[in-house]
């Protein structure tokens, strides 16, 4: 399937998302901060998609997304956060999707599938 960079600082959520994404057949790389995400993109140019939390230490998701898209503007990014208020922040509009965290991952999974299908067809 796809190589997904999962950027999440919460260890429990990170493990849960990683398990579920792998169950869907994806390969998953992990970053625990925005700074790690930027480094991971440089080290692994074959990443297909980034799922990124916003509220993180050592560079938040919005700043990290800006740095990533500044060099890799075709790389799809899904902002995945518990805070709906960031959706109104114009900086988040650069993301391909904005998914509010939930105990049901169906919206995130559907969004990932749609973005990867669109990427594959272009």
N, C-alpha and C. Protein backbone atom coordinates (compact mmCIF):
# COMPACT_ATOMS: atom_id res chain seq x y z
N UNK A 1 0.84 -1.18 0.00
CA UNK A 1 0.00 0.00 0.00
C UNK A 1 0.89 1.25 0.00
N UNK A 2 0.87 2.02 1.07
CA UNK A 2 1.57 3.30 1.10
C UNK A 2 2.49 3.39 2.31
N UNK A 3 3.46 4.27 2.19
CA UNK A 3 4.32 4.59 3.32
C UNK A 3 3.79 5.88 3.94
N UNK A 4 3.33 5.79 5.17
CA UNK A 4 2.72 6.91 5.87
C UNK A 4 3.62 7.35 7.01
N UNK A 5 3.87 8.66 7.07
CA UNK A 5 4.57 9.23 8.21
C UNK A 5 3.52 9.67 9.21
N UNK A 6 3.52 9.05 10.38
CA UNK A 6 2.59 9.38 11.46
C UNK A 6 3.33 10.27 12.45
N UNK A 7 2.82 11.48 12.64
CA UNK A 7 3.46 12.45 13.53
C UNK A 7 2.52 12.68 14.71
N UNK A 8 2.86 12.11 15.85
CA UNK A 8 1.99 12.14 17.03
C UNK A 8 2.85 12.05 18.27
N UNK A 9 2.67 12.98 19.21
CA UNK A 9 3.48 12.97 20.42
C UNK A 9 2.90 12.12 21.54
N UNK A 10 1.62 11.81 21.50
CA UNK A 10 0.99 10.99 22.54
C UNK A 10 1.30 9.52 22.27
N UNK A 11 2.03 8.85 23.17
CA UNK A 11 2.46 7.47 22.90
C UNK A 11 1.32 6.48 22.73
N UNK A 12 0.24 6.64 23.48
CA UNK A 12 -0.89 5.71 23.37
C UNK A 12 -1.60 5.87 22.03
N UNK A 13 -1.85 7.11 21.67
CA UNK A 13 -2.50 7.37 20.40
C UNK A 13 -1.61 6.94 19.23
N UNK A 14 -0.33 7.21 19.35
CA UNK A 14 0.63 6.84 18.31
C UNK A 14 0.61 5.33 18.07
N UNK A 15 0.64 4.57 19.15
CA UNK A 15 0.64 3.11 19.02
C UNK A 15 -0.67 2.61 18.41
N UNK A 16 -1.79 3.18 18.84
CA UNK A 16 -3.09 2.79 18.32
C UNK A 16 -3.19 3.09 16.83
N UNK A 17 -2.83 4.30 16.42
CA UNK A 17 -2.88 4.68 15.01
C UNK A 17 -1.95 3.80 14.18
N UNK A 18 -0.75 3.58 14.68
CA UNK A 18 0.21 2.75 13.96
C UNK A 18 -0.34 1.34 13.75
N UNK A 19 -0.92 0.76 14.79
CA UNK A 19 -1.49 -0.58 14.68
C UNK A 19 -2.61 -0.62 13.64
N UNK A 20 -3.48 0.36 13.68
CA UNK A 20 -4.62 0.40 12.75
C UNK A 20 -4.17 0.65 11.31
N UNK A 21 -3.22 1.54 11.12
CA UNK A 21 -2.74 1.82 9.76
C UNK A 21 -2.01 0.61 9.18
N UNK A 22 -1.25 -0.08 10.01
CA UNK A 22 -0.59 -1.30 9.55
C UNK A 22 -1.61 -2.38 9.22
N UNK A 23 -2.68 -2.46 10.00
CA UNK A 23 -3.75 -3.43 9.72
C UNK A 23 -4.41 -3.14 8.37
N UNK A 24 -4.38 -1.88 7.97
CA UNK A 24 -4.92 -1.50 6.66
C UNK A 24 -3.93 -1.76 5.53
N UNK A 25 -2.75 -2.27 5.88
CA UNK A 25 -1.76 -2.64 4.88
C UNK A 25 -0.69 -1.59 4.60
N UNK A 26 -0.68 -0.52 5.36
CA UNK A 26 0.31 0.54 5.14
C UNK A 26 1.59 0.28 5.93
N UNK A 27 2.68 0.80 5.42
CA UNK A 27 3.92 0.87 6.18
C UNK A 27 3.88 2.20 6.92
N UNK A 28 4.37 2.22 8.16
CA UNK A 28 4.26 3.42 8.98
C UNK A 28 5.61 3.81 9.55
N UNK A 29 5.99 5.06 9.34
CA UNK A 29 7.14 5.67 10.00
C UNK A 29 6.58 6.55 11.10
N UNK A 30 7.32 6.70 12.18
CA UNK A 30 6.86 7.46 13.34
C UNK A 30 7.75 8.68 13.57
N UNK A 31 7.11 9.80 13.89
CA UNK A 31 7.81 10.98 14.39
C UNK A 31 7.01 11.48 15.59
N UNK A 32 7.70 11.95 16.62
CA UNK A 32 7.01 12.37 17.84
C UNK A 32 6.96 13.89 17.99
N UNK A 33 7.47 14.62 17.00
CA UNK A 33 7.43 16.08 17.02
C UNK A 33 7.51 16.59 15.59
N UNK A 34 7.21 17.86 15.44
CA UNK A 34 7.34 18.48 14.13
C UNK A 34 8.76 18.44 13.61
N UNK A 35 9.69 18.67 14.50
CA UNK A 35 11.11 18.64 14.11
C UNK A 35 11.50 17.25 13.59
N UNK A 36 11.06 16.21 14.28
CA UNK A 36 11.34 14.83 13.82
C UNK A 36 10.67 14.57 12.47
N UNK A 37 9.49 15.13 12.27
CA UNK A 37 8.78 14.94 11.00
C UNK A 37 9.57 15.52 9.84
N UNK A 38 10.08 16.72 10.01
CA UNK A 38 10.86 17.37 8.96
C UNK A 38 12.10 16.53 8.65
N UNK A 39 12.77 16.02 9.67
CA UNK A 39 13.95 15.17 9.46
C UNK A 39 13.57 13.86 8.77
N UNK A 40 12.45 13.27 9.16
CA UNK A 40 12.01 12.01 8.56
C UNK A 40 11.73 12.16 7.07
N UNK A 41 11.14 13.29 6.69
CA UNK A 41 10.85 13.54 5.27
C UNK A 41 12.15 13.61 4.48
N UNK A 42 13.16 14.25 5.03
CA UNK A 42 14.44 14.35 4.34
C UNK A 42 15.13 12.99 4.25
N UNK A 43 14.98 12.17 5.28
CA UNK A 43 15.64 10.86 5.30
C UNK A 43 14.90 9.81 4.47
N UNK A 44 13.61 10.01 4.25
CA UNK A 44 12.78 9.03 3.53
C UNK A 44 11.97 9.73 2.44
N UNK A 45 12.58 10.00 1.30
CA UNK A 45 11.87 10.73 0.24
C UNK A 45 10.73 9.95 -0.41
N UNK A 46 10.57 8.68 -0.05
CA UNK A 46 9.52 7.85 -0.63
C UNK A 46 8.22 7.86 0.19
N UNK A 47 8.11 8.74 1.17
CA UNK A 47 6.88 8.83 1.97
C UNK A 47 5.74 9.27 1.06
N UNK A 48 4.60 8.59 1.17
CA UNK A 48 3.44 8.87 0.33
C UNK A 48 2.46 9.87 0.95
N UNK A 49 2.43 9.92 2.30
CA UNK A 49 1.41 10.72 2.98
C UNK A 49 1.87 10.99 4.40
N UNK A 50 1.50 12.16 4.92
CA UNK A 50 1.80 12.52 6.30
C UNK A 50 0.49 12.72 7.06
N UNK A 51 0.37 12.06 8.21
CA UNK A 51 -0.74 12.29 9.14
C UNK A 51 -0.11 12.97 10.34
N UNK A 52 -0.50 14.24 10.57
CA UNK A 52 0.21 15.05 11.55
C UNK A 52 -0.72 15.68 12.58
N UNK A 53 -0.35 15.49 13.84
CA UNK A 53 -1.00 16.20 14.94
C UNK A 53 -0.55 17.66 14.87
N UNK A 54 -1.29 18.54 15.52
CA UNK A 54 -0.91 19.96 15.52
C UNK A 54 -0.18 20.33 16.81
N UNK A 55 -0.77 20.03 17.94
CA UNK A 55 -0.18 20.40 19.23
C UNK A 55 0.91 19.42 19.62
N UNK A 56 2.17 19.83 19.39
CA UNK A 56 3.30 18.97 19.71
C UNK A 56 4.47 19.81 20.21
N UNK A 57 5.39 19.18 20.95
CA UNK A 57 6.59 19.90 21.39
C UNK A 57 7.60 20.03 20.26
N UNK A 58 8.56 20.91 20.44
CA UNK A 58 9.69 21.05 19.51
C UNK A 58 9.28 21.33 18.08
N UNK A 59 8.31 22.16 17.86
CA UNK A 59 7.77 22.57 16.57
C UNK A 59 6.40 21.95 16.37
N UNK A 60 5.40 22.78 16.33
CA UNK A 60 4.04 22.25 16.18
C UNK A 60 3.77 21.80 14.75
N UNK A 61 2.65 21.16 14.55
CA UNK A 61 2.32 20.59 13.26
C UNK A 61 2.15 21.60 12.15
N UNK A 62 1.63 22.78 12.47
CA UNK A 62 1.45 23.82 11.45
C UNK A 62 2.81 24.30 10.93
N UNK A 63 3.74 24.57 11.83
CA UNK A 63 5.07 25.00 11.42
C UNK A 63 5.78 23.89 10.65
N UNK A 64 5.68 22.66 11.14
CA UNK A 64 6.32 21.52 10.46
C UNK A 64 5.74 21.34 9.06
N UNK A 65 4.42 21.45 8.95
CA UNK A 65 3.79 21.30 7.64
C UNK A 65 4.31 22.37 6.67
N UNK A 66 4.46 23.59 7.15
CA UNK A 66 4.99 24.66 6.30
C UNK A 66 6.39 24.35 5.80
N UNK A 67 7.24 23.84 6.69
CA UNK A 67 8.61 23.49 6.29
C UNK A 67 8.61 22.33 5.30
N UNK A 68 7.77 21.33 5.56
CA UNK A 68 7.70 20.16 4.67
C UNK A 68 7.19 20.56 3.29
N UNK A 69 6.08 21.29 3.26
CA UNK A 69 5.49 21.66 1.97
C UNK A 69 6.33 22.68 1.22
N UNK A 70 7.17 23.42 1.95
CA UNK A 70 8.09 24.34 1.30
C UNK A 70 9.09 23.63 0.39
N UNK A 71 9.43 22.41 0.73
CA UNK A 71 10.38 21.62 -0.07
C UNK A 71 9.69 20.51 -0.86
N UNK A 72 8.55 20.03 -0.38
CA UNK A 72 7.86 18.88 -0.99
C UNK A 72 6.39 19.23 -1.16
N UNK A 73 6.11 20.16 -2.07
CA UNK A 73 4.75 20.69 -2.18
C UNK A 73 3.71 19.72 -2.74
N UNK A 74 4.14 18.59 -3.23
CA UNK A 74 3.19 17.59 -3.74
C UNK A 74 2.87 16.51 -2.70
N UNK A 75 3.54 16.56 -1.56
CA UNK A 75 3.34 15.54 -0.52
C UNK A 75 2.03 15.83 0.23
N UNK A 76 1.07 14.90 0.20
CA UNK A 76 -0.19 15.13 0.90
C UNK A 76 -0.02 15.10 2.43
N UNK A 77 -0.69 16.03 3.09
CA UNK A 77 -0.65 16.13 4.55
C UNK A 77 -2.08 16.16 5.08
N UNK A 78 -2.34 15.31 6.06
CA UNK A 78 -3.61 15.33 6.79
C UNK A 78 -3.31 15.85 8.18
N UNK A 79 -3.94 16.96 8.54
CA UNK A 79 -3.83 17.43 9.92
C UNK A 79 -4.86 16.67 10.74
N UNK A 80 -4.41 16.07 11.81
CA UNK A 80 -5.26 15.24 12.66
C UNK A 80 -5.12 15.74 14.09
N UNK A 81 -6.14 16.42 14.57
CA UNK A 81 -6.03 17.08 15.86
C UNK A 81 -7.32 16.98 16.65
N UNK A 82 -7.21 17.17 17.94
CA UNK A 82 -8.39 17.16 18.81
C UNK A 82 -9.09 18.51 18.83
N UNK A 83 -8.47 19.51 18.22
CA UNK A 83 -8.97 20.88 18.29
C UNK A 83 -9.56 21.34 16.97
N UNK A 84 -10.85 21.52 16.94
CA UNK A 84 -11.52 22.00 15.74
C UNK A 84 -11.21 23.44 15.43
N UNK A 85 -10.75 24.20 16.41
CA UNK A 85 -10.49 25.63 16.22
C UNK A 85 -9.37 25.90 15.22
N UNK A 86 -8.45 24.98 15.05
CA UNK A 86 -7.35 25.19 14.10
C UNK A 86 -7.84 25.19 12.66
N UNK A 87 -9.01 24.64 12.42
CA UNK A 87 -9.55 24.58 11.06
C UNK A 87 -9.74 25.99 10.49
N UNK A 88 -9.98 26.96 11.35
CA UNK A 88 -10.16 28.34 10.92
C UNK A 88 -8.85 29.08 10.73
N UNK A 89 -7.75 28.48 11.13
CA UNK A 89 -6.43 29.10 10.98
C UNK A 89 -5.99 28.94 9.53
N UNK A 90 -5.79 30.05 8.84
CA UNK A 90 -5.47 29.97 7.42
C UNK A 90 -4.22 29.15 7.14
N UNK A 91 -3.33 29.03 8.11
CA UNK A 91 -2.13 28.21 7.92
C UNK A 91 -2.48 26.73 7.73
N UNK A 92 -3.59 26.29 8.30
CA UNK A 92 -3.98 24.88 8.16
C UNK A 92 -4.60 24.59 6.80
N UNK A 93 -4.93 25.64 6.04
CA UNK A 93 -5.57 25.43 4.75
C UNK A 93 -4.64 24.79 3.72
N UNK A 94 -3.35 24.77 4.00
CA UNK A 94 -2.39 24.13 3.08
C UNK A 94 -2.49 22.61 3.14
N UNK A 95 -3.10 22.10 4.18
CA UNK A 95 -3.23 20.64 4.33
C UNK A 95 -4.23 20.11 3.31
N UNK A 96 -4.06 18.87 2.93
CA UNK A 96 -5.00 18.23 2.01
C UNK A 96 -6.30 17.88 2.71
N UNK A 97 -6.23 17.69 4.03
CA UNK A 97 -7.43 17.37 4.80
C UNK A 97 -7.20 17.73 6.25
N UNK A 98 -8.31 17.89 6.96
CA UNK A 98 -8.29 18.24 8.38
C UNK A 98 -9.28 17.29 9.04
N UNK A 99 -8.78 16.42 9.90
CA UNK A 99 -9.63 15.42 10.55
C UNK A 99 -9.52 15.61 12.06
N UNK A 100 -10.67 15.75 12.70
CA UNK A 100 -10.69 15.88 14.15
C UNK A 100 -10.60 14.49 14.76
N UNK A 101 -9.71 14.36 15.74
CA UNK A 101 -9.49 13.06 16.39
C UNK A 101 -10.78 12.54 17.01
N UNK A 102 -10.92 11.23 16.93
CA UNK A 102 -12.11 10.56 17.44
C UNK A 102 -11.72 9.15 17.87
N UNK A 103 -12.57 8.55 18.68
CA UNK A 103 -12.33 7.15 19.06
C UNK A 103 -12.68 6.21 17.92
N UNK A 104 -13.29 6.74 16.88
CA UNK A 104 -13.63 5.99 15.67
C UNK A 104 -12.71 6.49 14.55
N UNK A 105 -11.86 5.63 14.05
CA UNK A 105 -10.88 6.06 13.03
C UNK A 105 -11.42 5.99 11.61
N UNK A 106 -12.71 5.74 11.44
CA UNK A 106 -13.24 5.56 10.09
C UNK A 106 -13.07 6.82 9.23
N UNK A 107 -13.25 8.02 9.78
CA UNK A 107 -13.07 9.23 8.99
C UNK A 107 -11.61 9.37 8.55
N UNK A 108 -10.68 9.11 9.45
CA UNK A 108 -9.27 9.20 9.09
C UNK A 108 -8.92 8.17 8.03
N UNK A 109 -9.38 6.96 8.21
CA UNK A 109 -9.10 5.89 7.23
C UNK A 109 -9.67 6.23 5.86
N UNK A 110 -10.89 6.72 5.83
CA UNK A 110 -11.53 7.10 4.57
C UNK A 110 -10.77 8.23 3.91
N UNK A 111 -10.37 9.21 4.69
CA UNK A 111 -9.62 10.34 4.15
C UNK A 111 -8.28 9.89 3.59
N UNK A 112 -7.59 9.02 4.29
CA UNK A 112 -6.32 8.48 3.80
C UNK A 112 -6.54 7.77 2.47
N UNK A 113 -7.54 6.92 2.39
CA UNK A 113 -7.82 6.17 1.17
C UNK A 113 -8.12 7.11 -0.01
N UNK A 114 -8.92 8.14 0.23
CA UNK A 114 -9.26 9.09 -0.84
C UNK A 114 -8.02 9.84 -1.34
N UNK A 115 -7.22 10.31 -0.41
CA UNK A 115 -6.04 11.08 -0.80
C UNK A 115 -5.04 10.20 -1.55
N UNK A 116 -4.84 8.98 -1.08
CA UNK A 116 -3.91 8.08 -1.76
C UNK A 116 -4.43 7.70 -3.15
N UNK A 117 -5.74 7.49 -3.28
CA UNK A 117 -6.31 7.18 -4.60
C UNK A 117 -6.14 8.35 -5.56
N UNK A 118 -6.36 9.55 -5.05
CA UNK A 118 -6.18 10.75 -5.88
C UNK A 118 -4.73 10.91 -6.30
N UNK A 119 -3.82 10.66 -5.36
CA UNK A 119 -2.39 10.78 -5.66
C UNK A 119 -1.97 9.76 -6.72
N UNK A 120 -2.53 8.56 -6.61
CA UNK A 120 -2.18 7.48 -7.55
C UNK A 120 -2.67 7.79 -8.96
N UNK A 121 -3.82 8.47 -9.06
CA UNK A 121 -4.41 8.75 -10.38
C UNK A 121 -3.78 9.95 -11.07
N UNK A 122 -2.94 10.71 -10.36
CA UNK A 122 -2.33 11.89 -11.00
C UNK A 122 -0.94 11.63 -11.50
